[in-house]
Amino acid sequence: MEKFKAYITAMRLRTLPQSLSGVALGLMLAASDYRVDVRVVVFTLLTAVFLQILSNTANELGDYLKGTDRLSDRKGPAYTLSKGLISEKEYKVMVGIYVILSVVSGLAMIRFSFGTFFDFGPLITMLLGFAAISGALKYTLGRNPYGYRGMGDFYVFVFFGLVSVLGSYFVAAHEIRTWILLFPALSIGCFSTAVLNVNNIRDMESDRATRRTIPLRIGERNAKIYHTLLIAAGWIFMSCYSALRIFDWWHYLYVLSLPLFVWHLTGVWKRSGKELDPMLPLMVISTFLFALLAGFGFVRFLL
């Protein structure tokens, strides 16, 4: 039972809503424009979950192997490898299993969506899937992990924003109907990057010896300004998308999530170090609720 709990802990379940935010929004926007196969929805969401867990477990393994995840100076919650709950060998097997699950679920998603693997759409989707798996592994693993070079923000913005929203829309609809779909993708990209940024602000002291994150490069105060700009930009991008669609008050349903973002930003500016830890799940939940409300505002007529 103790081992089972350790494997659950390694999954970092509190991060899963973040991985589902962009995918859910992309699928709901596709459903507002086209008839969407429920099997595609299920396997797209499932693939996103497996990719997020793969990213989480690979991240912990990389930190452990490089000596970053030390109990003595860790600001966030301690996980399984550093506490000795799972052996290194067992952990590597687990990471491999999540790679396999991501591949199998992704292929099922493509098969149910396109009906074949040998066409332009499926091939593009498979390439994006390969890039997502590679990105999840190389954040902290390998000889030159991009997470240690201050490149994490860029990759999170691309994969959790652009690829997540536009990719899920494309899988469900087989086309990108209009260029303005870029706006909700940019919005979720900004919010997802903000999740990583608050995590990096919290961990500045423990990361100083091994990483060069954005907060370490620009300082805590500037990192908080950057954080505020990310959230403001996310709201502006989604507002642009709503404004460019045919006017309907329901298209602004996501405004109901605004108090959560205000609460989050207030906490970020008032706290430092380990005290910032509650602000991380708050940003994740805020983004998830924002995405669900935004998507529902466009699909409500279909229910």
C-alpha atoms as a PDB file:
ATOM      1  CA  MET A   1       0.000   0.000   0.000  1.00  0.00           C
ATOM      2  CA  GLU A   2       2.874   2.377   0.833  1.00  0.00           C
ATOM      3  CA  LYS A   3       4.446   1.711  -2.569  1.00  0.00           C
ATOM      4  CA  PHE A   4       1.123   2.293  -4.318  1.00  0.00           C
ATOM      5  CA  LYS A   5       0.740   5.649  -2.545  1.00  0.00           C
ATOM      6  CA  ALA A   6       4.251   6.571  -3.671  1.00  0.00           C
ATOM      7  CA  TYR A   7       3.392   5.900  -7.315  1.00  0.00           C
ATOM      8  CA  ILE A   8       0.273   8.077  -6.955  1.00  0.00           C
ATOM      9  CA  THR A   9       2.355  10.836  -5.389  1.00  0.00           C
ATOM     10  CA  ALA A  10       4.821  10.676  -8.286  1.00  0.00           C
ATOM     11  CA  MET A  11       1.974  11.450 -10.690  1.00  0.00           C
ATOM     12  CA  ARG A  12       1.514  14.914  -9.102  1.00  0.00           C
ATOM     13  CA  LEU A  13      -2.243  14.832  -9.617  1.00  0.00           C
ATOM     14  CA  ARG A  14      -2.695  18.488  -8.721  1.00  0.00           C
ATOM     15  CA  THR A  15      -1.061  19.438 -12.047  1.00  0.00           C
ATOM     16  CA  LEU A  16      -3.483  17.440 -14.215  1.00  0.00           C
ATOM     17  CA  PRO A  17      -6.093  20.210 -14.623  1.00  0.00           C
ATOM     18  CA  GLN A  18      -3.362  22.302 -16.250  1.00  0.00           C
ATOM     19  CA  SER A  19      -2.745  19.703 -18.954  1.00  0.00           C
ATOM     20  CA  LEU A  20      -6.481  19.422 -19.597  1.00  0.00           C
ATOM     21  CA  SER A  21      -7.146  23.166 -19.818  1.00  0.00           C
ATOM     22  CA  GLY A  22      -5.921  23.786 -23.357  1.00  0.00           C
ATOM     23  CA  VAL A  23      -7.158  20.442 -24.656  1.00  0.00           C
ATOM     24  CA  ALA A  24     -10.630  20.931 -23.173  1.00  0.00           C
ATOM     25  CA  LEU A  25     -10.874  24.432 -24.611  1.00  0.00           C
ATOM     26  CA  GLY A  26      -9.714  23.276 -28.053  1.00  0.00           C
ATOM     27  CA  LEU A  27     -12.209  20.402 -28.090  1.00  0.00           C
ATOM     28  CA  MET A  28     -15.088  22.597 -26.950  1.00  0.00           C
ATOM     29  CA  LEU A  29     -14.325  25.234 -29.566  1.00  0.00           C
ATOM     30  CA  ALA A  30     -14.215  22.475 -32.198  1.00  0.00           C
ATOM     31  CA  ALA A  31     -17.542  21.145 -30.912  1.00  0.00           C
ATOM     32  CA  SER A  32     -19.050  24.605 -31.394  1.00  0.00           C
ATOM     33  CA  ASP A  33     -18.101  24.494 -35.086  1.00  0.00           C
ATOM     34  CA  TYR A  34     -18.326  20.782 -35.999  1.00  0.00           C
ATOM     35  CA  ARG A  35     -19.775  17.450 -34.948  1.00  0.00           C
ATOM     36  CA  VAL A  36     -17.094  15.822 -32.765  1.00  0.00           C
ATOM     37  CA  ASP A  37     -16.672  12.073 -32.209  1.00  0.00           C
ATOM     38  CA  VAL A  38     -16.900  11.307 -28.474  1.00  0.00           C
ATOM     39  CA  ARG A  39     -14.154   8.670 -28.836  1.00  0.00           C
ATOM     40  CA  VAL A  40     -11.807  11.351 -30.130  1.00  0.00           C
ATOM     41  CA  VAL A  41     -12.663  13.514 -27.125  1.00  0.00           C
ATOM     42  CA  VAL A  42     -11.982  10.681 -24.664  1.00  0.00           C
ATOM     43  CA  PHE A  43      -8.633   9.658 -26.132  1.00  0.00           C
ATOM     44  CA  THR A  44      -7.482  13.255 -26.640  1.00  0.00           C
ATOM     45  CA  LEU A  45      -8.098  13.990 -22.964  1.00  0.00           C
ATOM     46  CA  LEU A  46      -6.520  10.689 -21.951  1.00  0.00           C
ATOM     47  CA  THR A  47      -3.416  11.394 -24.051  1.00  0.00           C
ATOM     48  CA  ALA A  48      -3.074  14.807 -22.426  1.00  0.00           C
ATOM     49  CA  VAL A  49      -3.233  13.203 -18.975  1.00  0.00           C
ATOM     50  CA  PHE A  50      -0.563  10.609 -19.824  1.00  0.00           C
ATOM     51  CA  LEU A  51       1.704  13.274 -21.303  1.00  0.00           C
ATOM     52  CA  GLN A  52       1.347  15.422 -18.185  1.00  0.00           C
ATOM     53  CA  ILE A  53       2.155  12.505 -15.885  1.00  0.00           C
ATOM     54  CA  LEU A  54       5.098  11.605 -18.118  1.00  0.00           C
ATOM     55  CA  SER A  55       6.345  15.177 -17.839  1.00  0.00           C
ATOM     56  CA  ASN A  56       5.935  15.133 -14.051  1.00  0.00           C
ATOM     57  CA  THR A  57       7.710  11.823 -13.514  1.00  0.00           C
ATOM     58  CA  ALA A  58      10.505  12.582 -15.989  1.00  0.00           C
ATOM     59  CA  ASN A  59      10.986  15.965 -14.322  1.00  0.00           C
ATOM     60  CA  GLU A  60      11.397  14.366 -10.901  1.00  0.00           C
ATOM     61  CA  LEU A  61      13.786  11.736 -12.254  1.00  0.00           C
ATOM     62  CA  GLY A  62      15.936  14.371 -13.963  1.00  0.00           C
ATOM     63  CA  ASP A  63      16.081  16.541 -10.847  1.00  0.00           C
ATOM     64  CA  TYR A  64      17.008  13.539  -8.735  1.00  0.00           C
ATOM     65  CA  LEU A  65      19.780  12.366 -11.054  1.00  0.00           C
ATOM     66  CA  LYS A  66      21.273  15.880 -11.170  1.00  0.00           C
ATOM     67  CA  GLY A  67      21.042  16.382  -7.411  1.00  0.00           C
ATOM     68  CA  THR A  68      18.538  19.222  -7.710  1.00  0.00           C
ATOM     69  CA  ASP A  69      15.745  17.564  -5.707  1.00  0.00           C
ATOM     70  CA  ARG A  70      17.369  17.737  -2.256  1.00  0.00           C
ATOM     71  CA  LEU A  71      15.140  17.460   0.803  1.00  0.00           C
ATOM     72  CA  SER A  72      17.307  19.900   2.736  1.00  0.00           C
ATOM     73  CA  ASP A  73      16.567  22.948   0.572  1.00  0.00           C
ATOM     74  CA  ARG A  74      13.409  22.061  -1.333  1.00  0.00           C
ATOM     75  CA  LYS A  75      10.667  24.714  -1.109  1.00  0.00           C
ATOM     76  CA  GLY A  76       7.894  22.703  -2.760  1.00  0.00           C
ATOM     77  CA  PRO A  77       6.574  19.318  -1.629  1.00  0.00           C
ATOM     78  CA  ALA A  78       9.121  16.498  -1.477  1.00  0.00           C
ATOM     79  CA  TYR A  79       8.439  13.616  -3.834  1.00  0.00           C
ATOM     80  CA  THR A  80       9.173   9.914  -4.012  1.00  0.00           C
ATOM     81  CA  LEU A  81      12.773   9.530  -5.184  1.00  0.00           C
ATOM     82  CA  SER A  82      14.281  12.018  -2.738  1.00  0.00           C
ATOM     83  CA  LYS A  83      12.391  10.331   0.114  1.00  0.00           C
ATOM     84  CA  GLY A  84      13.454   6.840  -0.994  1.00  0.00           C
ATOM     85  CA  LEU A  85       9.881   5.615  -1.480  1.00  0.00           C
ATOM     86  CA  ILE A  86      10.629   4.277  -4.984  1.00  0.00           C
ATOM     87  CA  SER A  87      14.009   3.017  -6.177  1.00  0.00           C
ATOM     88  CA  GLU A  88      15.710   4.631  -9.152  1.00  0.00           C
ATOM     89  CA  LYS A  89      15.299   1.448 -11.228  1.00  0.00           C
ATOM     90  CA  GLU A  90      11.573   1.191 -10.434  1.00  0.00           C
ATOM     91  CA  TYR A  91      11.128   4.858 -11.237  1.00  0.00           C
ATOM     92  CA  LYS A  92      12.761   4.529 -14.660  1.00  0.00           C
ATOM     93  CA  VAL A  93      10.425   1.618 -15.441  1.00  0.00           C
ATOM     94  CA  MET A  94       7.459   3.821 -14.469  1.00  0.00           C
ATOM     95  CA  VAL A  95       8.624   6.613 -16.791  1.00  0.00           C
ATOM     96  CA  GLY A  96       8.925   4.075 -19.616  1.00  0.00           C
ATOM     97  CA  ILE A  97       5.386   2.856 -18.968  1.00  0.00           C
ATOM     98  CA  TYR A  98       4.022   6.387 -19.279  1.00  0.00           C
ATOM     99  CA  VAL A  99       5.868   6.811 -22.574  1.00  0.00           C
ATOM    100  CA  ILE A 100       4.135   3.660 -23.859  1.00  0.00           C
ATOM    101  CA  LEU A 101       0.730   4.768 -22.536  1.00  0.00           C
ATOM    102  CA  SER A 102       1.139   8.165 -24.203  1.00  0.00           C
ATOM    103  CA  VAL A 103       1.995   6.539 -27.532  1.00  0.00           C
ATOM    104  CA  VAL A 104      -0.836   3.983 -27.415  1.00  0.00           C
ATOM    105  CA  SER A 105      -3.444   6.546 -26.357  1.00  0.00           C
ATOM    106  CA  GLY A 106      -2.212   9.017 -28.970  1.00  0.00           C
ATOM    107  CA  LEU A 107      -2.390   6.446 -31.754  1.00  0.00           C
ATOM    108  CA  ALA A 108      -5.930   5.493 -30.692  1.00  0.00           C
ATOM    109  CA  MET A 109      -6.874   9.178 -30.772  1.00  0.00           C
ATOM    110  CA  ILE A 110      -5.508   9.503 -34.318  1.00  0.00           C
ATOM    111  CA  ARG A 111      -7.194   6.289 -35.496  1.00  0.00           C
ATOM    112  CA  PHE A 112     -10.621   7.308 -34.206  1.00  0.00           C
ATOM    113  CA  SER A 113     -10.235  10.827 -35.584  1.00  0.00           C
ATOM    114  CA  PHE A 114      -8.797  10.273 -39.057  1.00  0.00           C
ATOM    115  CA  GLY A 115      -9.483   6.580 -39.644  1.00  0.00           C
ATOM    116  CA  THR A 116      -5.934   6.105 -40.940  1.00  0.00           C
ATOM    117  CA  PHE A 117      -2.315   6.815 -40.055  1.00  0.00           C
ATOM    118  CA  PHE A 118      -1.233   7.504 -43.642  1.00  0.00           C
ATOM    119  CA  ASP A 119      -2.464  10.964 -44.544  1.00  0.00           C
ATOM    120  CA  PHE A 120      -1.310  14.529 -43.990  1.00  0.00           C
ATOM    121  CA  GLY A 121      -3.432  15.135 -40.878  1.00  0.00           C
ATOM    122  CA  PRO A 122      -2.439  11.952 -39.017  1.00  0.00           C
ATOM    123  CA  LEU A 123       1.242  12.384 -39.905  1.00  0.00           C
ATOM    124  CA  ILE A 124       1.296  15.970 -38.639  1.00  0.00           C
ATOM    125  CA  THR A 125      -0.450  14.878 -35.441  1.00  0.00           C
ATOM    126  CA  MET A 126       2.035  12.043 -34.903  1.00  0.00           C
ATOM    127  CA  LEU A 127       4.945  14.450 -35.355  1.00  0.00           C
ATOM    128  CA  LEU A 128       3.439  16.783 -32.761  1.00  0.00           C
ATOM    129  CA  GLY A 129       2.952  13.808 -30.435  1.00  0.00           C
ATOM    130  CA  PHE A 130       6.572  12.758 -30.841  1.00  0.00           C
ATOM    131  CA  ALA A 131       7.681  16.332 -30.123  1.00  0.00           C
ATOM    132  CA  ALA A 132       5.464  16.426 -27.004  1.00  0.00           C
ATOM    133  CA  ILE A 133       6.946  13.186 -25.642  1.00  0.00           C
ATOM    134  CA  SER A 134      10.469  14.360 -26.416  1.00  0.00           C
ATOM    135  CA  GLY A 135       9.777  17.703 -24.751  1.00  0.00           C
ATOM    136  CA  ALA A 136       8.397  16.012 -21.637  1.00  0.00           C
ATOM    137  CA  LEU A 137      11.524  13.869 -21.303  1.00  0.00           C
ATOM    138  CA  LYS A 138      14.118  16.516 -22.098  1.00  0.00           C
ATOM    139  CA  TYR A 139      12.900  19.156 -19.629  1.00  0.00           C
ATOM    140  CA  THR A 140      15.300  17.840 -16.969  1.00  0.00           C
ATOM    141  CA  LEU A 141      16.632  14.603 -18.502  1.00  0.00           C
ATOM    142  CA  GLY A 142      19.554  14.226 -20.910  1.00  0.00           C
ATOM    143  CA  ARG A 143      22.894  15.953 -21.252  1.00  0.00           C
ATOM    144  CA  ASN A 144      21.526  19.428 -21.955  1.00  0.00           C
ATOM    145  CA  PRO A 145      17.991  19.701 -20.496  1.00  0.00           C
ATOM    146  CA  TYR A 146      16.210  22.862 -21.596  1.00  0.00           C
ATOM    147  CA  GLY A 147      14.597  23.328 -18.181  1.00  0.00           C
ATOM    148  CA  TYR A 148      18.013  24.084 -16.725  1.00  0.00           C
ATOM    149  CA  ARG A 149      18.761  26.705 -19.382  1.00  0.00           C
ATOM    150  CA  GLY A 150      15.787  28.987 -18.819  1.00  0.00           C
ATOM    151  CA  MET A 151      13.950  27.585 -21.856  1.00  0.00           C
ATOM    152  CA  GLY A 152      11.091  26.022 -19.911  1.00  0.00           C
ATOM    153  CA  ASP A 153       8.809  29.025 -20.387  1.00  0.00           C
ATOM    154  CA  PHE A 154       9.080  28.822 -24.170  1.00  0.00           C
ATOM    155  CA  TYR A 155       8.366  25.080 -24.321  1.00  0.00           C
ATOM    156  CA  VAL A 156       5.449  25.311 -21.883  1.00  0.00           C
ATOM    157  CA  PHE A 157       3.972  28.207 -23.871  1.00  0.00           C
ATOM    158  CA  VAL A 158       4.212  26.238 -27.108  1.00  0.00           C
ATOM    159  CA  PHE A 159       3.073  22.792 -25.940  1.00  0.00           C
ATOM    160  CA  PHE A 160       0.556  23.697 -23.221  1.00  0.00           C
ATOM    161  CA  GLY A 161      -0.820  26.620 -25.194  1.00  0.00           C
ATOM    162  CA  LEU A 162      -0.429  26.548 -28.968  1.00  0.00           C
ATOM    163  CA  VAL A 163      -0.169  22.781 -29.471  1.00  0.00           C
ATOM    164  CA  SER A 164      -2.702  21.952 -26.773  1.00  0.00           C
ATOM    165  CA  VAL A 165      -5.520  24.208 -28.016  1.00  0.00           C
ATOM    166  CA  LEU A 166      -4.854  24.200 -31.762  1.00  0.00           C
ATOM    167  CA  GLY A 167      -3.767  20.559 -31.814  1.00  0.00           C
ATOM    168  CA  SER A 168      -6.891  19.287 -30.049  1.00  0.00           C
ATOM    169  CA  TYR A 169      -9.063  21.472 -32.276  1.00  0.00           C
ATOM    170  CA  PHE A 170      -7.342  20.063 -35.366  1.00  0.00           C
ATOM    171  CA  VAL A 171      -7.701  16.445 -34.198  1.00  0.00           C
ATOM    172  CA  ALA A 172     -11.417  16.965 -33.604  1.00  0.00           C
ATOM    173  CA  ALA A 173     -12.179  19.119 -36.675  1.00  0.00           C
ATOM    174  CA  HIS A 174      -9.440  18.062 -39.174  1.00  0.00           C
ATOM    175  CA  GLU A 175      -8.755  21.714 -39.957  1.00  0.00           C
ATOM    176  CA  ILE A 176      -8.086  25.065 -38.291  1.00  0.00           C
ATOM    177  CA  ARG A 177     -11.198  26.927 -39.300  1.00  0.00           C
ATOM    178  CA  THR A 178      -9.969  30.487 -38.726  1.00  0.00           C
ATOM    179  CA  TRP A 179      -6.767  32.278 -37.748  1.00  0.00           C
ATOM    180  CA  ILE A 180      -8.430  33.874 -34.716  1.00  0.00           C
ATOM    181  CA  LEU A 181      -8.244  30.494 -32.966  1.00  0.00           C
ATOM    182  CA  LEU A 182      -4.671  31.557 -32.291  1.00  0.00           C
ATOM    183  CA  PHE A 183      -5.989  33.917 -29.598  1.00  0.00           C
ATOM    184  CA  PRO A 184      -7.372  31.277 -27.171  1.00  0.00           C
ATOM    185  CA  ALA A 185      -4.221  29.222 -27.776  1.00  0.00           C
ATOM    186  CA  LEU A 186      -2.061  32.225 -26.844  1.00  0.00           C
ATOM    187  CA  SER A 187      -4.262  32.829 -23.801  1.00  0.00           C
ATOM    188  CA  ILE A 188      -3.809  29.329 -22.372  1.00  0.00           C
ATOM    189  CA  GLY A 189      -0.118  29.489 -23.303  1.00  0.00           C
ATOM    190  CA  CYS A 190       0.302  32.601 -21.151  1.00  0.00           C
ATOM    191  CA  PHE A 191      -1.535  31.062 -18.202  1.00  0.00           C
ATOM    192  CA  SER A 192       0.426  27.804 -18.467  1.00  0.00           C
ATOM    193  CA  THR A 193       3.694  29.732 -18.526  1.00  0.00           C
ATOM    194  CA  ALA A 194       2.506  31.607 -15.433  1.00  0.00           C
ATOM    195  CA  VAL A 195       2.079  28.257 -13.644  1.00  0.00           C
ATOM    196  CA  LEU A 196       5.723  27.414 -14.348  1.00  0.00           C
ATOM    197  CA  ASN A 197       6.828  30.927 -13.438  1.00  0.00           C
ATOM    198  CA  VAL A 198       5.261  30.907  -9.966  1.00  0.00           C
ATOM    199  CA  ASN A 199       6.832  27.488  -9.416  1.00  0.00           C
ATOM    200  CA  ASN A 200      10.230  28.919 -10.409  1.00  0.00           C
ATOM    201  CA  ILE A 201       9.805  31.994  -8.197  1.00  0.00           C
ATOM    202  CA  ARG A 202       9.062  29.706  -5.246  1.00  0.00           C
ATOM    203  CA  ASP A 203      12.146  27.569  -5.956  1.00  0.00           C
ATOM    204  CA  MET A 204      14.645  30.375  -6.636  1.00  0.00           C
ATOM    205  CA  GLU A 205      16.927  29.556  -3.715  1.00  0.00           C
ATOM    206  CA  SER A 206      17.029  25.794  -4.272  1.00  0.00           C
ATOM    207  CA  ASP A 207      17.453  26.262  -8.048  1.00  0.00           C
ATOM    208  CA  ARG A 208      20.275  28.798  -7.798  1.00  0.00           C
ATOM    209  CA  ALA A 209      23.095  26.226  -7.832  1.00  0.00           C
ATOM    210  CA  THR A 210      21.850  24.127 -10.748  1.00  0.00           C
ATOM    211  CA  ARG A 211      19.387  26.052 -12.967  1.00  0.00           C
ATOM    212  CA  ARG A 212      19.094  29.352 -14.801  1.00  0.00           C
ATOM    213  CA  THR A 213      15.347  29.926 -14.725  1.00  0.00           C
ATOM    214  CA  ILE A 214      13.725  33.199 -15.773  1.00  0.00           C
ATOM    215  CA  PRO A 215      13.235  34.401 -12.150  1.00  0.00           C
ATOM    216  CA  LEU A 216      16.921  33.743 -11.422  1.00  0.00           C
ATOM    217  CA  ARG A 217      17.920  35.688 -14.518  1.00  0.00           C
ATOM    218  CA  ILE A 218      15.739  38.757 -13.862  1.00  0.00           C
ATOM    219  CA  GLY A 219      15.235  38.730 -10.080  1.00  0.00           C
ATOM    220  CA  GLU A 220      12.155  38.084  -7.944  1.00  0.00           C
ATOM    221  CA  ARG A 221      10.497  41.487  -8.342  1.00  0.00           C
ATOM    222  CA  ASN A 222      10.855  41.493 -12.130  1.00  0.00           C
ATOM    223  CA  ALA A 223       9.678  37.876 -12.218  1.00  0.00           C
ATOM    224  CA  LYS A 224       6.491  38.960 -10.448  1.00  0.00           C
ATOM    225  CA  ILE A 225       6.018  41.784 -12.961  1.00  0.00           C
ATOM    226  CA  TYR A 226       6.548  39.227 -15.745  1.00  0.00           C
ATOM    227  CA  HIS A 227       3.983  36.991 -14.003  1.00  0.00           C
ATOM    228  CA  THR A 228       1.435  39.813 -13.910  1.00  0.00           C
ATOM    229  CA  LEU A 229       2.010  40.569 -17.597  1.00  0.00           C
ATOM    230  CA  LEU A 230       1.509  36.902 -18.523  1.00  0.00           C
ATOM    231  CA  ILE A 231      -1.870  36.797 -16.794  1.00  0.00           C
ATOM    232  CA  ALA A 232      -2.938  40.155 -18.227  1.00  0.00           C
ATOM    233  CA  ALA A 233      -1.932  39.024 -21.726  1.00  0.00           C
ATOM    234  CA  GLY A 234      -3.905  35.798 -21.302  1.00  0.00           C
ATOM    235  CA  TRP A 235      -7.046  37.771 -20.559  1.00  0.00           C
ATOM    236  CA  ILE A 236      -6.443  40.196 -23.427  1.00  0.00           C
ATOM    237  CA  PHE A 237      -5.960  37.392 -25.965  1.00  0.00           C
ATOM    238  CA  MET A 238      -9.176  35.615 -24.963  1.00  0.00           C
ATOM    239  CA  SER A 239     -11.059  38.917 -24.981  1.00  0.00           C
ATOM    240  CA  CYS A 240      -9.829  39.538 -28.532  1.00  0.00           C
ATOM    241  CA  TYR A 241     -11.151  36.158 -29.622  1.00  0.00           C
ATOM    242  CA  SER A 242     -14.569  36.812 -28.065  1.00  0.00           C
ATOM    243  CA  ALA A 243     -14.734  40.268 -29.623  1.00  0.00           C
ATOM    244  CA  LEU A 244     -13.946  38.926 -33.098  1.00  0.00           C
ATOM    245  CA  ARG A 245     -16.739  36.339 -32.927  1.00  0.00           C
ATOM    246  CA  ILE A 246     -20.415  37.215 -33.454  1.00  0.00           C
ATOM    247  CA  PHE A 247     -21.404  39.072 -30.285  1.00  0.00           C
ATOM    248  CA  ASP A 248     -23.024  37.024 -27.540  1.00  0.00           C
ATOM    249  CA  TRP A 249     -22.803  37.681 -23.806  1.00  0.00           C
ATOM    250  CA  TRP A 250     -22.202  33.950 -23.244  1.00  0.00           C
ATOM    251  CA  HIS A 251     -18.872  34.279 -25.054  1.00  0.00           C
ATOM    252  CA  TYR A 252     -17.620  36.198 -22.015  1.00  0.00           C
ATOM    253  CA  LEU A 253     -18.639  33.569 -19.477  1.00  0.00           C
ATOM    254  CA  TYR A 254     -14.977  33.087 -18.497  1.00  0.00           C
ATOM    255  CA  VAL A 255     -15.077  36.490 -16.756  1.00  0.00           C
ATOM    256  CA  LEU A 256     -16.616  34.629 -13.799  1.00  0.00           C
ATOM    257  CA  SER A 257     -13.148  33.207 -13.088  1.00  0.00           C
ATOM    258  CA  LEU A 258     -11.592  36.685 -12.697  1.00  0.00           C
ATOM    259  CA  PRO A 259     -11.743  36.745  -8.841  1.00  0.00           C
ATOM    260  CA  LEU A 260      -9.525  33.641  -8.712  1.00  0.00           C
ATOM    261  CA  PHE A 261      -6.851  35.333 -10.828  1.00  0.00           C
ATOM    262  CA  VAL A 262      -7.024  38.465  -8.658  1.00  0.00           C
ATOM    263  CA  TRP A 263      -6.668  36.296  -5.543  1.00  0.00           C
ATOM    264  CA  HIS A 264      -3.712  34.524  -7.118  1.00  0.00           C
ATOM    265  CA  LEU A 265      -1.886  37.693  -8.148  1.00  0.00           C
ATOM    266  CA  THR A 266      -2.437  39.255  -4.728  1.00  0.00           C
ATOM    267  CA  GLY A 267      -0.895  36.185  -3.113  1.00  0.00           C
ATOM    268  CA  VAL A 268       2.067  36.158  -5.502  1.00  0.00           C
ATOM    269  CA  TRP A 269       2.940  39.768  -4.721  1.00  0.00           C
ATOM    270  CA  LYS A 270       2.564  39.317  -0.959  1.00  0.00           C
ATOM    271  CA  ARG A 271       4.473  36.027  -0.597  1.00  0.00           C
ATOM    272  CA  SER A 272       7.934  34.637  -1.225  1.00  0.00           C
ATOM    273  CA  GLY A 273       9.699  31.276  -1.097  1.00  0.00           C
ATOM    274  CA  LYS A 274       7.791  28.338   0.337  1.00  0.00           C
ATOM    275  CA  GLU A 275       4.813  30.579   1.145  1.00  0.00           C
ATOM    276  CA  LEU A 276       4.124  30.731  -2.597  1.00  0.00           C
ATOM    277  CA  ASP A 277       3.335  27.002  -2.785  1.00  0.00           C
ATOM    278  CA  PRO A 278      -0.488  27.435  -2.423  1.00  0.00           C
ATOM    279  CA  MET A 279      -0.419  29.896  -5.312  1.00  0.00           C
ATOM    280  CA  LEU A 280       0.679  27.128  -7.706  1.00  0.00           C
ATOM    281  CA  PRO A 281      -2.475  24.951  -7.501  1.00  0.00           C
ATOM    282  CA  LEU A 282      -4.574  28.120  -7.374  1.00  0.00           C
ATOM    283  CA  MET A 283      -3.162  29.183 -10.748  1.00  0.00           C
ATOM    284  CA  VAL A 284      -3.776  25.687 -12.140  1.00  0.00           C
ATOM    285  CA  ILE A 285      -7.415  25.664 -10.987  1.00  0.00           C
ATOM    286  CA  SER A 286      -7.953  29.236 -12.196  1.00  0.00           C
ATOM    287  CA  THR A 287      -6.707  28.307 -15.671  1.00  0.00           C
ATOM    288  CA  PHE A 288      -8.815  25.145 -15.767  1.00  0.00           C
ATOM    289  CA  LEU A 289     -11.999  26.964 -14.727  1.00  0.00           C
ATOM    290  CA  PHE A 290     -11.244  29.758 -17.203  1.00  0.00           C
ATOM    291  CA  ALA A 291     -10.876  27.219 -20.033  1.00  0.00           C
ATOM    292  CA  LEU A 292     -14.074  25.353 -19.128  1.00  0.00           C
ATOM    293  CA  LEU A 293     -16.135  28.541 -18.851  1.00  0.00           C
ATOM    294  CA  ALA A 294     -14.686  29.921 -22.096  1.00  0.00           C
ATOM    295  CA  GLY A 295     -15.432  26.691 -23.937  1.00  0.00           C
ATOM    296  CA  PHE A 296     -18.914  26.321 -22.486  1.00  0.00           C
ATOM    297  CA  GLY A 297     -19.737  29.858 -23.568  1.00  0.00           C
ATOM    298  CA  PHE A 298     -19.382  28.739 -27.188  1.00  0.00           C
ATOM    299  CA  VAL A 299     -20.980  25.272 -27.044  1.00  0.00           C
ATOM    300  CA  ARG A 300     -24.005  26.018 -24.844  1.00  0.00           C
ATOM    301  CA  PHE A 301     -26.382  26.129 -27.832  1.00  0.00           C
ATOM    302  CA  LEU A 302     -25.464  22.543 -28.711  1.00  0.00           C
ATOM    303  CA  LEU A 303     -26.465  21.114 -25.323  1.00  0.00           C
END
